[in-house]
N, C-alpha and C. Protein backbone atom coordinates (compact mmCIF):
# COMPACT_ATOMS: atom_id res chain seq x y z
N UNK A 1 4.51 -52.65 18.40
CA UNK A 1 4.42 -51.54 18.67
C UNK A 1 2.67 -50.55 18.31
N UNK A 2 2.09 -49.82 19.44
CA UNK A 2 1.00 -49.80 18.74
C UNK A 2 0.69 -48.45 17.81
N UNK A 3 -0.17 -48.31 17.08
CA UNK A 3 -1.04 -47.10 16.26
C UNK A 3 -2.03 -46.71 16.95
N UNK A 4 -2.11 -45.53 16.93
CA UNK A 4 -3.25 -44.84 17.48
C UNK A 4 -3.99 -44.57 15.53
N UNK A 5 -5.49 -44.92 16.33
CA UNK A 5 -6.46 -45.00 15.11
C UNK A 5 -6.50 -43.26 14.35
N UNK A 6 -6.20 -42.55 13.42
CA UNK A 6 -6.90 -41.44 13.20
C UNK A 6 -8.16 -41.05 12.61
N UNK A 7 -9.07 -40.15 13.25
CA UNK A 7 -10.51 -40.69 13.32
C UNK A 7 -10.90 -39.97 11.63
N UNK A 8 -11.95 -40.43 10.77
CA UNK A 8 -12.30 -40.02 9.96
C UNK A 8 -11.71 -38.27 9.49
N UNK A 9 -12.95 -37.95 10.57
CA UNK A 9 -13.08 -36.58 10.09
C UNK A 9 -11.64 -35.42 9.73
N UNK A 10 -10.99 -36.13 10.85
CA UNK A 10 -9.62 -35.79 10.86
C UNK A 10 -9.01 -35.79 9.92
N UNK A 11 -8.85 -36.77 9.20
CA UNK A 11 -8.43 -37.07 7.97
C UNK A 11 -8.89 -36.18 6.61
N UNK A 12 -10.34 -36.13 6.92
CA UNK A 12 -11.09 -35.05 5.36
C UNK A 12 -10.56 -33.88 6.18
N UNK A 13 -10.09 -33.28 7.52
CA UNK A 13 -9.68 -31.76 7.86
C UNK A 13 -8.54 -31.73 6.71
N UNK A 14 -7.46 -32.40 7.67
CA UNK A 14 -6.44 -32.81 7.12
C UNK A 14 -5.95 -32.84 5.44
N UNK A 15 -6.46 -33.34 5.02
CA UNK A 15 -6.65 -33.79 3.37
C UNK A 15 -6.90 -32.77 2.62
N UNK A 16 -8.19 -31.99 2.97
CA UNK A 16 -8.96 -30.34 2.60
C UNK A 16 -7.84 -29.31 2.27
N UNK A 17 -7.55 -29.41 3.63
CA UNK A 17 -6.09 -28.29 3.88
C UNK A 17 -4.60 -28.62 3.40
N UNK A 18 -4.83 -29.16 2.63
CA UNK A 18 -3.81 -29.78 1.69
C UNK A 18 -3.61 -29.52 0.21
N UNK A 19 -5.16 -29.93 0.12
CA UNK A 19 -5.56 -29.20 -1.59
C UNK A 19 -5.62 -27.80 -1.81
N UNK A 20 -6.15 -27.10 0.04
CA UNK A 20 -6.20 -25.45 -0.73
C UNK A 20 -4.88 -24.86 -0.56
N UNK A 21 -3.88 -25.74 0.15
CA UNK A 21 -2.27 -25.24 0.12
C UNK A 21 -1.77 -25.36 -1.28
N UNK A 22 -1.84 -26.52 -2.11
CA UNK A 22 -1.75 -26.83 -3.23
C UNK A 22 -2.77 -25.96 -4.36
N UNK A 23 -3.72 -25.31 -4.34
CA UNK A 23 -4.75 -24.80 -4.62
C UNK A 23 -5.83 -25.78 -6.09
N UNK A 24 -6.05 -26.91 -5.33
CA UNK A 24 -6.27 -27.91 -5.88
C UNK A 24 -7.62 -28.27 -5.37
N UNK A 25 -7.84 -27.18 -4.28
CA UNK A 25 -9.61 -26.54 -4.45
C UNK A 25 -10.44 -26.18 -4.85
N UNK A 26 -9.91 -25.10 -5.92
CA UNK A 26 -10.49 -24.40 -6.47
C UNK A 26 -10.70 -25.03 -8.25
N UNK A 27 -10.50 -24.12 -8.93
CA UNK A 27 -10.63 -24.14 -10.59
C UNK A 27 -10.17 -23.05 -10.94
N UNK A 28 -10.71 -23.45 -12.80
CA UNK A 28 -10.24 -22.59 -13.82
C UNK A 28 -11.86 -21.30 -13.63
N UNK A 29 -11.59 -19.73 -13.65
CA UNK A 29 -12.55 -19.76 -13.62
C UNK A 29 -12.57 -18.68 -15.04
N UNK A 30 -13.92 -18.88 -15.48
CA UNK A 30 -14.27 -18.33 -17.01
C UNK A 30 -14.57 -16.59 -16.58
N UNK A 31 -14.58 -15.69 -17.64
CA UNK A 31 -14.29 -14.74 -17.87
C UNK A 31 -15.06 -13.80 -18.73
N UNK A 32 -16.42 -12.97 -18.01
CA UNK A 32 -17.26 -12.31 -19.04
C UNK A 32 -17.60 -11.03 -18.61
N UNK A 33 -18.68 -10.64 -19.53
CA UNK A 33 -19.20 -8.94 -19.03
C UNK A 33 -20.00 -8.79 -20.09
N UNK A 34 -20.14 -7.32 -20.10
CA UNK A 34 -21.30 -7.59 -21.02
C UNK A 34 -20.63 -5.76 -21.87
N UNK A 35 -21.45 -5.83 -22.62
CA UNK A 35 -20.46 -4.77 -23.74
C UNK A 35 -21.93 -3.79 -24.29
N UNK A 36 -21.65 -2.48 -24.28
CA UNK A 36 -22.98 -1.36 -24.45
C UNK A 36 -22.38 -0.35 -24.85
N UNK A 37 -22.92 0.35 -25.76
CA UNK A 37 -22.86 1.45 -26.52
C UNK A 37 -22.08 1.57 -28.13
N UNK A 38 -21.97 -0.18 -28.51
CA UNK A 38 -21.73 -0.32 -29.57
C UNK A 38 -22.13 0.30 -30.92
N UNK A 39 -21.87 0.80 -32.02
CA UNK A 39 -22.70 1.49 -33.12
C UNK A 39 -23.00 0.01 -33.97
N UNK A 40 -24.02 0.49 -34.49
CA UNK A 40 -24.78 -0.63 -35.58
C UNK A 40 -23.42 -0.90 -36.35
N UNK A 41 -23.55 -2.13 -36.94
CA UNK A 41 -22.34 -2.80 -37.72
C UNK A 41 -20.85 -2.32 -37.35
N UNK A 42 -20.98 -2.24 -36.22
CA UNK A 42 -18.92 -2.07 -35.84
C UNK A 42 -19.30 -3.43 -34.71
N UNK A 43 -17.66 -3.18 -34.69
CA UNK A 43 -17.24 -4.35 -34.22
C UNK A 43 -15.68 -3.68 -33.18
N UNK A 44 -15.79 -4.84 -31.86
CA UNK A 44 -14.79 -4.23 -31.06
C UNK A 44 -13.81 -5.96 -30.46
N UNK A 45 -12.16 -5.84 -30.93
CA UNK A 45 -11.66 -6.69 -30.49
C UNK A 45 -11.14 -6.45 -29.30
N UNK A 46 -11.31 -7.68 -28.21
CA UNK A 46 -10.69 -7.84 -26.63
C UNK A 46 -9.84 -8.84 -26.77
N UNK A 47 -9.31 -8.46 -25.52
CA UNK A 47 -8.04 -9.69 -25.44
C UNK A 47 -8.48 -9.69 -23.93
N UNK A 48 -7.90 -11.09 -23.47
CA UNK A 48 -7.87 -11.41 -22.37
C UNK A 48 -6.64 -12.45 -21.49
N UNK A 49 -6.39 -11.43 -20.87
CA UNK A 49 -4.61 -12.06 -20.91
C UNK A 49 -3.78 -11.63 -21.77
N UNK A 50 -2.72 -12.46 -22.32
CA UNK A 50 -1.94 -12.06 -23.41
C UNK A 50 -2.24 -13.35 -24.46
N UNK A 51 -3.41 -14.29 -24.48
CA UNK A 51 -3.52 -15.14 -24.77
C UNK A 51 -4.85 -15.74 -25.74
N UNK A 52 -6.05 -15.00 -25.72
CA UNK A 52 -7.24 -15.17 -25.95
C UNK A 52 -7.78 -13.79 -26.48
N UNK A 53 -8.08 -13.68 -27.95
CA UNK A 53 -8.83 -12.35 -28.07
C UNK A 53 -10.24 -12.82 -29.05
N UNK A 54 -11.80 -12.26 -28.20
CA UNK A 54 -12.67 -12.61 -29.32
C UNK A 54 -13.47 -11.05 -29.84
N UNK A 55 -14.27 -11.04 -30.83
CA UNK A 55 -14.43 -10.10 -31.87
C UNK A 55 -16.24 -10.10 -30.88
N UNK A 56 -16.49 -9.14 -30.82
CA UNK A 56 -18.08 -8.52 -29.90
C UNK A 56 -18.39 -7.70 -30.93
N UNK A 57 -19.22 -7.78 -31.87
CA UNK A 57 -20.82 -7.16 -32.99
C UNK A 57 -21.61 -6.56 -32.40
N UNK A 58 -21.76 -6.97 -31.30
CA UNK A 58 -23.31 -6.15 -30.65
C UNK A 58 -22.95 -5.92 -28.99
N UNK A 59 -23.98 -5.63 -28.99
CA UNK A 59 -24.30 -4.82 -27.17
C UNK A 59 -24.75 -6.01 -26.47
N UNK A 60 -24.64 -6.63 -25.23
CA UNK A 60 -24.87 -7.60 -24.71
C UNK A 60 -23.84 -8.03 -23.72
N UNK A 61 -24.25 -9.58 -23.41
CA UNK A 61 -23.16 -10.62 -22.84
C UNK A 61 -22.10 -10.56 -23.41
N UNK A 62 -20.99 -10.79 -23.40
CA UNK A 62 -19.98 -11.19 -23.78
C UNK A 62 -18.83 -12.57 -22.68
N UNK A 63 -18.63 -13.37 -23.81
CA UNK A 63 -17.81 -14.52 -23.05
C UNK A 63 -16.02 -14.77 -23.49
N UNK A 64 -15.15 -14.50 -22.76
CA UNK A 64 -14.32 -15.19 -23.44
C UNK A 64 -14.22 -16.81 -22.65
N UNK A 65 -14.00 -17.70 -24.44
CA UNK A 65 -13.89 -19.53 -24.29
C UNK A 65 -12.89 -19.60 -23.27
N UNK A 66 -11.61 -19.18 -23.10
CA UNK A 66 -10.44 -20.07 -22.13
C UNK A 66 -11.25 -19.38 -20.67
N UNK A 67 -10.07 -20.13 -20.15
CA UNK A 67 -10.31 -19.60 -18.30
C UNK A 67 -9.04 -19.27 -17.98
N UNK A 68 -8.93 -19.04 -16.57
CA UNK A 68 -7.77 -18.18 -15.85
C UNK A 68 -7.85 -19.26 -14.49
N UNK A 69 -6.81 -19.58 -14.38
CA UNK A 69 -6.55 -20.47 -13.13
C UNK A 69 -6.55 -19.59 -11.74
N UNK A 70 -6.94 -20.06 -11.19
CA UNK A 70 -7.54 -19.64 -9.67
C UNK A 70 -6.39 -19.25 -9.11
N UNK A 71 -6.21 -17.93 -8.28
CA UNK A 71 -5.11 -17.58 -7.65
C UNK A 71 -4.87 -16.53 -9.03
N UNK A 72 -4.77 -16.49 -10.02
CA UNK A 72 -4.35 -16.51 -10.83
C UNK A 72 -4.84 -14.67 -11.50
N UNK A 73 -4.01 -13.84 -11.82
CA UNK A 73 -4.31 -12.45 -12.51
C UNK A 73 -5.05 -12.81 -13.70
N UNK A 74 -6.27 -11.85 -13.97
CA UNK A 74 -6.64 -11.31 -15.29
C UNK A 74 -6.62 -9.82 -16.32
N UNK A 75 -6.32 -9.74 -17.13
CA UNK A 75 -6.47 -8.32 -17.40
C UNK A 75 -7.82 -8.85 -18.61
N UNK A 76 -8.45 -8.23 -19.09
CA UNK A 76 -9.50 -7.45 -20.31
C UNK A 76 -8.99 -6.38 -20.84
N UNK A 77 -8.65 -6.22 -22.37
CA UNK A 77 -8.23 -4.84 -23.01
C UNK A 77 -8.76 -4.87 -23.92
N UNK A 78 -8.57 -3.41 -24.30
CA UNK A 78 -9.38 -3.67 -26.12
C UNK A 78 -8.07 -3.46 -27.22
N UNK A 79 -7.92 -4.51 -28.22
CA UNK A 79 -7.58 -4.49 -28.54
C UNK A 79 -7.45 -3.78 -30.21
N UNK A 80 -8.18 -3.76 -30.76
CA UNK A 80 -9.01 -2.75 -31.86
C UNK A 80 -10.34 -2.33 -31.58
N UNK A 81 -10.03 -0.82 -31.66
CA UNK A 81 -11.09 -0.20 -31.89
C UNK A 81 -11.97 -0.15 -33.37
N UNK A 82 -13.62 0.01 -32.45
CA UNK A 82 -14.47 -0.16 -33.50
C UNK A 82 -14.12 1.42 -34.32
N UNK A 83 -14.61 1.46 -35.63
CA UNK A 83 -14.40 2.52 -36.60
C UNK A 83 -15.21 4.08 -35.85
N UNK A 84 -14.52 4.60 -35.47
CA UNK A 84 -15.20 5.80 -35.03
C UNK A 84 -15.56 6.35 -33.40
N UNK A 85 -14.99 5.20 -33.16
CA UNK A 85 -15.71 4.84 -31.20
C UNK A 85 -14.66 4.70 -30.59
N UNK A 86 -14.08 4.70 -29.53
CA UNK A 86 -13.42 4.16 -28.39
C UNK A 86 -14.05 3.82 -27.31
N UNK A 87 -13.41 2.70 -26.97
CA UNK A 87 -14.33 1.78 -26.09
C UNK A 87 -13.36 1.45 -24.69
N UNK A 88 -14.00 1.46 -23.53
CA UNK A 88 -13.01 1.73 -22.33
C UNK A 88 -13.34 0.19 -21.89
N UNK A 89 -12.78 -0.33 -20.64
CA UNK A 89 -12.92 -1.37 -19.87
C UNK A 89 -13.09 -0.78 -18.51
N UNK A 90 -14.28 -1.28 -17.98
CA UNK A 90 -14.34 -1.17 -16.45
C UNK A 90 -14.36 -2.90 -15.70
N UNK A 91 -13.66 -2.88 -14.14
CA UNK A 91 -13.63 -3.97 -14.29
C UNK A 91 -12.54 -4.95 -14.51
N UNK A 92 -11.49 -4.24 -15.30
CA UNK A 92 -11.09 -5.59 -16.10
C UNK A 92 -9.71 -6.17 -15.96
N UNK A 93 -9.65 -5.74 -14.66
CA UNK A 93 -8.11 -6.38 -14.34
C UNK A 93 -8.89 -7.14 -12.82
N UNK A 94 -7.91 -7.88 -12.73
CA UNK A 94 -8.09 -8.16 -10.93
C UNK A 94 -7.35 -9.65 -10.96
N UNK A 95 -7.72 -10.62 -9.85
CA UNK A 95 -7.00 -11.86 -9.31
C UNK A 95 -8.28 -13.21 -8.98
N UNK A 96 -8.55 -14.18 -9.91
CA UNK A 96 -9.37 -14.76 -9.56
C UNK A 96 -9.14 -15.72 -8.06
N UNK A 97 -10.28 -15.60 -7.46
CA UNK A 97 -9.94 -16.56 -6.56
C UNK A 97 -9.73 -18.03 -6.62
N UNK A 98 -9.45 -18.51 -4.88
CA UNK A 98 -9.16 -19.75 -4.89
C UNK A 98 -9.93 -20.53 -5.27
N UNK A 99 -11.31 -20.22 -5.08
CA UNK A 99 -12.40 -21.48 -5.60
C UNK A 99 -12.71 -21.41 -6.74
N UNK A 100 -12.01 -20.15 -7.88
CA UNK A 100 -12.15 -20.25 -9.86
C UNK A 100 -13.74 -19.70 -9.33
N UNK A 101 -14.15 -18.69 -8.52
CA UNK A 101 -15.51 -18.24 -8.89
C UNK A 101 -15.33 -17.04 -9.89
N UNK A 102 -16.27 -17.69 -10.93
CA UNK A 102 -16.58 -17.19 -12.88
C UNK A 102 -16.35 -15.16 -12.24
N UNK A 103 -15.70 -14.46 -12.93
CA UNK A 103 -15.93 -13.04 -12.88
C UNK A 103 -16.60 -12.75 -14.08
N UNK A 104 -17.79 -12.30 -13.63
CA UNK A 104 -18.75 -11.40 -14.55
C UNK A 104 -18.77 -10.44 -14.65
N UNK A 105 -18.46 -9.23 -14.10
CA UNK A 105 -18.27 -8.02 -14.34
C UNK A 105 -17.95 -7.00 -14.94
N UNK A 106 -16.83 -7.72 -15.78
CA UNK A 106 -16.49 -6.53 -16.97
C UNK A 106 -17.26 -6.28 -17.43
N UNK A 107 -17.16 -4.83 -17.92
CA UNK A 107 -17.94 -3.82 -18.57
C UNK A 107 -17.36 -3.01 -19.45
N UNK A 108 -17.05 -3.56 -20.66
CA UNK A 108 -17.20 -2.42 -22.10
C UNK A 108 -17.86 -1.20 -22.54
N UNK A 109 -17.62 -0.28 -22.81
CA UNK A 109 -18.17 0.84 -22.82
C UNK A 109 -18.04 1.61 -24.01
N UNK A 110 -18.56 1.66 -25.11
CA UNK A 110 -18.23 2.36 -26.24
C UNK A 110 -19.09 3.62 -26.66
N UNK A 111 -18.71 4.78 -27.32
CA UNK A 111 -18.43 6.08 -27.55
C UNK A 111 -18.34 6.33 -28.73
N UNK A 112 -19.03 6.93 -29.58
CA UNK A 112 -18.68 8.02 -30.42
C UNK A 112 -17.73 8.73 -30.30
N UNK A 113 -16.97 9.22 -30.64
CA UNK A 113 -16.00 10.62 -30.78
C UNK A 113 -15.92 11.32 -32.04
N UNK A 114 -15.46 12.65 -31.55
CA UNK A 114 -15.95 13.96 -33.06
C UNK A 114 -13.94 13.10 -33.63
N UNK A 115 -14.17 12.64 -34.09
CA UNK A 115 -12.76 12.46 -34.80
C UNK A 115 -13.28 12.27 -36.53
N UNK A 116 -12.04 12.16 -36.93
CA UNK A 116 -11.95 12.12 -38.65
C UNK A 116 -11.80 10.87 -38.89
N UNK A 117 -12.11 9.94 -40.24
CA UNK A 117 -11.77 8.66 -40.62
C UNK A 117 -11.97 9.19 -42.29
N UNK A 118 -10.94 7.55 -43.08
CA UNK A 118 -10.65 8.46 -44.32
C UNK A 118 -10.75 6.73 -44.86
N UNK A 119 -11.42 6.97 -45.92
CA UNK A 119 -11.70 5.73 -46.65
C UNK A 119 -10.41 5.47 -47.82
N UNK A 120 -9.73 4.82 -47.78
CA UNK A 120 -8.65 4.80 -48.81
C UNK A 120 -9.11 3.32 -50.17
N UNK A 121 -8.76 4.15 -51.25
CA UNK A 121 -8.53 3.17 -52.54
C UNK A 121 -7.36 3.09 -53.59
N UNK A 122 -7.50 1.98 -53.81
CA UNK A 122 -6.34 1.84 -54.84
C UNK A 122 -5.11 1.88 -54.08
N UNK A 123 -4.81 1.65 -52.90
CA UNK A 123 -3.23 1.53 -52.79
C UNK A 123 -2.89 0.30 -53.03
N UNK A 124 -1.49 0.14 -53.25
CA UNK A 124 -0.67 -0.64 -53.93
C UNK A 124 -0.51 -1.39 -52.52
N UNK A 125 -0.32 -2.73 -52.83
CA UNK A 125 0.00 -3.39 -51.96
C UNK A 125 1.70 -3.38 -51.30
N UNK A 126 1.97 -3.20 -50.09
CA UNK A 126 3.50 -2.91 -49.79
C UNK A 126 3.71 -1.37 -49.52
N UNK A 127 3.12 -0.74 -49.80
CA UNK A 127 3.37 0.83 -49.62
C UNK A 127 2.70 1.08 -48.38
N UNK A 128 3.23 2.73 -48.05
CA UNK A 128 2.28 3.39 -46.96
C UNK A 128 2.19 4.74 -47.26
N UNK A 129 0.70 4.88 -46.90
CA UNK A 129 0.10 6.59 -47.15
C UNK A 129 0.07 7.00 -45.60
N UNK A 130 0.82 8.47 -45.56
CA UNK A 130 0.02 8.99 -44.76
C UNK A 130 -0.15 10.32 -44.38
N UNK A 131 -1.41 9.90 -43.81
CA UNK A 131 -2.48 11.25 -43.94
C UNK A 131 -2.44 12.02 -42.79
N UNK A 132 -2.44 13.55 -42.82
CA UNK A 132 -2.25 14.54 -41.96
C UNK A 132 -3.92 15.15 -41.36
N UNK A 133 -4.39 15.59 -40.43
CA UNK A 133 -5.30 16.00 -40.38
C UNK A 133 -4.86 17.02 -38.49
N UNK A 134 -4.58 18.07 -39.02
CA UNK A 134 -3.52 19.09 -37.74
C UNK A 134 -2.88 18.62 -37.30
N UNK A 135 -2.13 18.15 -36.09
CA UNK A 135 -1.13 17.87 -35.58
C UNK A 135 -1.50 15.96 -35.58
N UNK A 136 -2.05 15.45 -36.16
CA UNK A 136 -2.34 14.22 -36.01
C UNK A 136 -2.23 13.68 -37.58
N UNK A 137 -1.42 12.74 -37.14
CA UNK A 137 -1.01 11.29 -38.54
C UNK A 137 -1.88 10.51 -38.36
N UNK A 138 -2.20 9.92 -39.67
CA UNK A 138 -2.95 7.93 -39.94
C UNK A 138 -2.05 7.06 -40.72
N UNK A 139 -1.08 6.70 -40.16
CA UNK A 139 -0.17 5.78 -41.33
C UNK A 139 -1.92 4.84 -41.82
N UNK A 140 -1.54 4.35 -43.05
CA UNK A 140 -2.33 3.57 -43.64
C UNK A 140 -1.56 2.78 -44.80
N UNK A 141 -1.52 1.15 -44.72
CA UNK A 141 -1.06 0.22 -45.11
C UNK A 141 -1.84 -0.40 -46.41
N UNK A 142 -2.94 -0.55 -46.19
CA UNK A 142 -4.20 -1.28 -46.73
C UNK A 142 -5.05 -0.51 -47.54
N UNK A 143 -5.87 -0.58 -48.27
CA UNK A 143 -7.38 0.01 -48.21
C UNK A 143 -8.15 -0.38 -47.55
N UNK A 144 -9.29 0.34 -47.39
CA UNK A 144 -10.12 -0.10 -46.34
C UNK A 144 -10.61 1.68 -45.63
N UNK A 145 -11.13 1.62 -44.22
CA UNK A 145 -11.19 2.90 -43.31
C UNK A 145 -10.53 2.72 -41.98
N UNK A 146 -10.37 4.09 -41.81
CA UNK A 146 -9.62 3.68 -40.76
C UNK A 146 -9.69 5.19 -39.94
N UNK A 147 -9.39 5.71 -38.78
CA UNK A 147 -9.38 6.80 -38.19
C UNK A 147 -8.63 6.97 -37.42
N UNK A 148 -8.37 8.67 -37.49
CA UNK A 148 -7.29 9.44 -36.66
C UNK A 148 -7.41 9.04 -35.37
N UNK A 149 -6.35 9.04 -34.59
CA UNK A 149 -6.19 9.10 -32.69
C UNK A 149 -6.81 10.32 -32.73
N UNK A 150 -7.74 10.76 -31.05
CA UNK A 150 -7.78 11.54 -30.45
C UNK A 150 -9.26 12.39 -30.82
N UNK A 151 -9.65 13.29 -30.75
CA UNK A 151 -10.87 13.88 -30.35
C UNK A 151 -10.50 15.45 -30.83
N UNK A 152 -11.73 15.87 -31.31
CA UNK A 152 -12.14 17.05 -31.74
C UNK A 152 -13.55 17.23 -31.14
N UNK A 153 -13.56 18.51 -30.91
CA UNK A 153 -14.66 19.09 -30.10
C UNK A 153 -15.66 19.48 -30.89
N UNK A 154 -16.87 19.23 -30.68
CA UNK A 154 -18.26 19.72 -31.59
C UNK A 154 -17.59 21.25 -31.97
N UNK A 155 -18.40 21.34 -33.07
CA UNK A 155 -17.99 22.78 -33.87
C UNK A 155 -16.38 22.86 -34.84
N UNK A 156 -15.80 22.17 -34.28
CA UNK A 156 -14.61 22.46 -34.93
C UNK A 156 -14.26 21.54 -35.95
N UNK A 157 -13.57 22.05 -37.28
CA UNK A 157 -12.84 21.63 -38.91
C UNK A 157 -12.02 20.83 -38.68
N UNK A 158 -11.89 19.79 -39.78
CA UNK A 158 -11.46 18.98 -40.32
C UNK A 158 -10.62 19.34 -41.49
N UNK A 159 -10.00 19.26 -41.89
CA UNK A 159 -9.29 19.10 -42.73
C UNK A 159 -7.91 18.01 -43.71
N UNK A 160 -8.56 17.25 -43.69
CA UNK A 160 -7.44 16.08 -44.48
C UNK A 160 -6.51 16.15 -45.28
N UNK A 161 -5.12 15.62 -45.28
CA UNK A 161 -4.22 16.43 -46.46
C UNK A 161 -3.12 14.85 -46.43
N UNK A 162 -2.67 14.35 -47.44
CA UNK A 162 -1.55 13.59 -47.67
C UNK A 162 -0.22 14.43 -47.51
N UNK A 163 -0.14 13.49 -46.10
CA UNK A 163 1.59 13.98 -45.77
C UNK A 163 2.75 13.30 -46.17
N UNK A 164 2.57 12.26 -46.58
CA UNK A 164 3.57 11.59 -46.94
C UNK A 164 2.85 10.49 -48.56
N UNK A 165 3.28 10.96 -49.57
CA UNK A 165 2.98 9.54 -50.54
C UNK A 165 3.24 7.97 -50.90
N UNK A 166 2.50 7.44 -51.19
CA UNK A 166 3.07 6.04 -50.93
C UNK A 166 3.83 6.03 -52.51
N UNK A 167 5.31 5.49 -52.16
CA UNK A 167 5.68 4.60 -53.09
C UNK A 167 5.41 4.88 -54.61
N UNK A 168 5.81 5.44 -55.84
CA UNK A 168 5.46 4.85 -57.12
C UNK A 168 3.66 5.49 -56.99
N UNK A 169 3.36 6.36 -56.26
CA UNK A 169 2.13 6.63 -56.57
C UNK A 169 1.22 7.53 -55.61
N UNK A 170 0.46 8.29 -56.27
CA UNK A 170 -0.30 9.78 -55.94
C UNK A 170 -1.78 9.52 -55.59
N UNK A 171 -1.99 9.79 -54.42
CA UNK A 171 -3.18 9.49 -53.38
C UNK A 171 -3.74 11.40 -52.94
N UNK A 172 -4.79 11.40 -53.99
CA UNK A 172 -5.65 12.36 -53.56
C UNK A 172 -6.79 12.08 -52.86
N UNK A 173 -7.07 13.24 -51.99
CA UNK A 173 -8.03 13.37 -50.96
C UNK A 173 -9.35 14.28 -51.64
N UNK A 174 -10.64 13.68 -51.42
CA UNK A 174 -11.93 14.16 -51.84
C UNK A 174 -12.90 14.76 -50.75
N UNK A 175 -12.94 16.30 -51.11
CA UNK A 175 -13.83 16.69 -50.00
C UNK A 175 -13.01 16.64 -48.82
N UNK A 176 -11.71 17.30 -48.74
CA UNK A 176 -11.26 16.93 -47.44
C UNK A 176 -11.45 17.59 -46.42
N UNK A 177 -12.13 18.62 -46.45
CA UNK A 177 -13.10 19.17 -45.47
C UNK A 177 -13.97 19.65 -44.51
N UNK A 178 -14.50 19.63 -43.65
CA UNK A 178 -15.46 19.67 -43.28
C UNK A 178 -15.97 20.22 -41.66
N UNK A 179 -16.80 20.23 -41.01
CA UNK A 179 -17.53 20.13 -39.51
C UNK A 179 -17.78 19.30 -39.27
N UNK A 180 -16.74 19.12 -37.44
CA UNK A 180 -17.82 17.51 -36.59
C UNK A 180 -19.15 18.30 -35.55
N UNK A 181 -19.74 18.22 -36.08
CA UNK A 181 -21.37 18.74 -35.65
C UNK A 181 -21.43 17.98 -34.13
N UNK A 182 -21.21 16.60 -33.67
CA UNK A 182 -21.70 15.75 -32.44
C UNK A 182 -21.36 14.84 -32.44
N UNK A 183 -20.57 14.21 -31.66
CA UNK A 183 -19.53 13.21 -30.82
C UNK A 183 -20.90 12.06 -31.09
N UNK A 184 -22.43 12.02 -31.18
CA UNK A 184 -23.04 11.13 -31.35
C UNK A 184 -23.56 11.17 -33.03
N UNK A 185 -22.83 11.57 -33.90
CA UNK A 185 -23.07 11.88 -35.48
C UNK A 185 -22.53 10.82 -35.63
N UNK A 186 -22.36 10.04 -36.93
CA UNK A 186 -21.64 9.63 -37.93
C UNK A 186 -20.18 10.17 -37.84
N UNK A 187 -19.23 8.79 -38.14
CA UNK A 187 -17.80 9.59 -38.15
C UNK A 187 -17.84 10.13 -39.85
N UNK A 188 -17.57 11.60 -39.40
CA UNK A 188 -17.07 12.14 -41.17
C UNK A 188 -15.92 11.26 -41.30
N UNK A 189 -16.12 10.41 -42.72
CA UNK A 189 -15.08 9.81 -43.81
C UNK A 189 -14.96 10.77 -45.01
N UNK A 190 -13.87 10.73 -44.66
CA UNK A 190 -13.39 11.11 -46.34
C UNK A 190 -12.79 10.54 -47.38
N UNK A 191 -12.89 10.73 -48.56
CA UNK A 191 -12.71 9.96 -49.78
C UNK A 191 -10.98 9.95 -50.33
N UNK A 192 -10.38 8.85 -50.29
CA UNK A 192 -8.71 8.78 -50.85
C UNK A 192 -8.59 8.15 -52.17
N UNK A 193 -7.87 8.51 -52.96
CA UNK A 193 -8.11 8.20 -54.35
C UNK A 193 -6.66 8.05 -54.38
N UNK A 194 -5.92 6.74 -54.57
CA UNK A 194 -4.78 6.39 -54.99
C UNK A 194 -4.11 6.15 -56.57
N UNK A 195 -3.67 6.33 -57.16
CA UNK A 195 -2.94 5.64 -58.47
C UNK A 195 -1.33 6.10 -58.87
């Protein structure tokens, strides 16, 4: 029996098509972008898909250390907002091409909001304090600073009150009322002490 000799170029083309069909011609892609508008001393936590989080503490380039398979989808979301700011993600979702080209155009933009926050001290471990401001409520389970969701228009007033006291404690709000001047001003923080 006689066999026909297969030329080398034909074999290379056949091999490359097989690799492409199996996804082996590409590679894993890194996901990166640029953060802007983050306030001094603040941080934002970003997540890639459901597997990796990074904490960004300054404006400029950021990059996830893990990679996404070629041909797979990716998504970048904000997990933890900076205190007194809201960050949004542009170009945060898509599909990595079969060549595994790095994704570099994710943009995270942060801006101060016209909201109000509270710094809580003296709260016991394992209890919950609920603060109110108008129709907005903030559940606090640990000492520290946190902010209400939502936005207040410049010129509007806030009045923070204790909606639900923690079990076995009494919390009071110091200087609970004020005026929201401008979204770019520092977030107004009321002081809450628990005993």
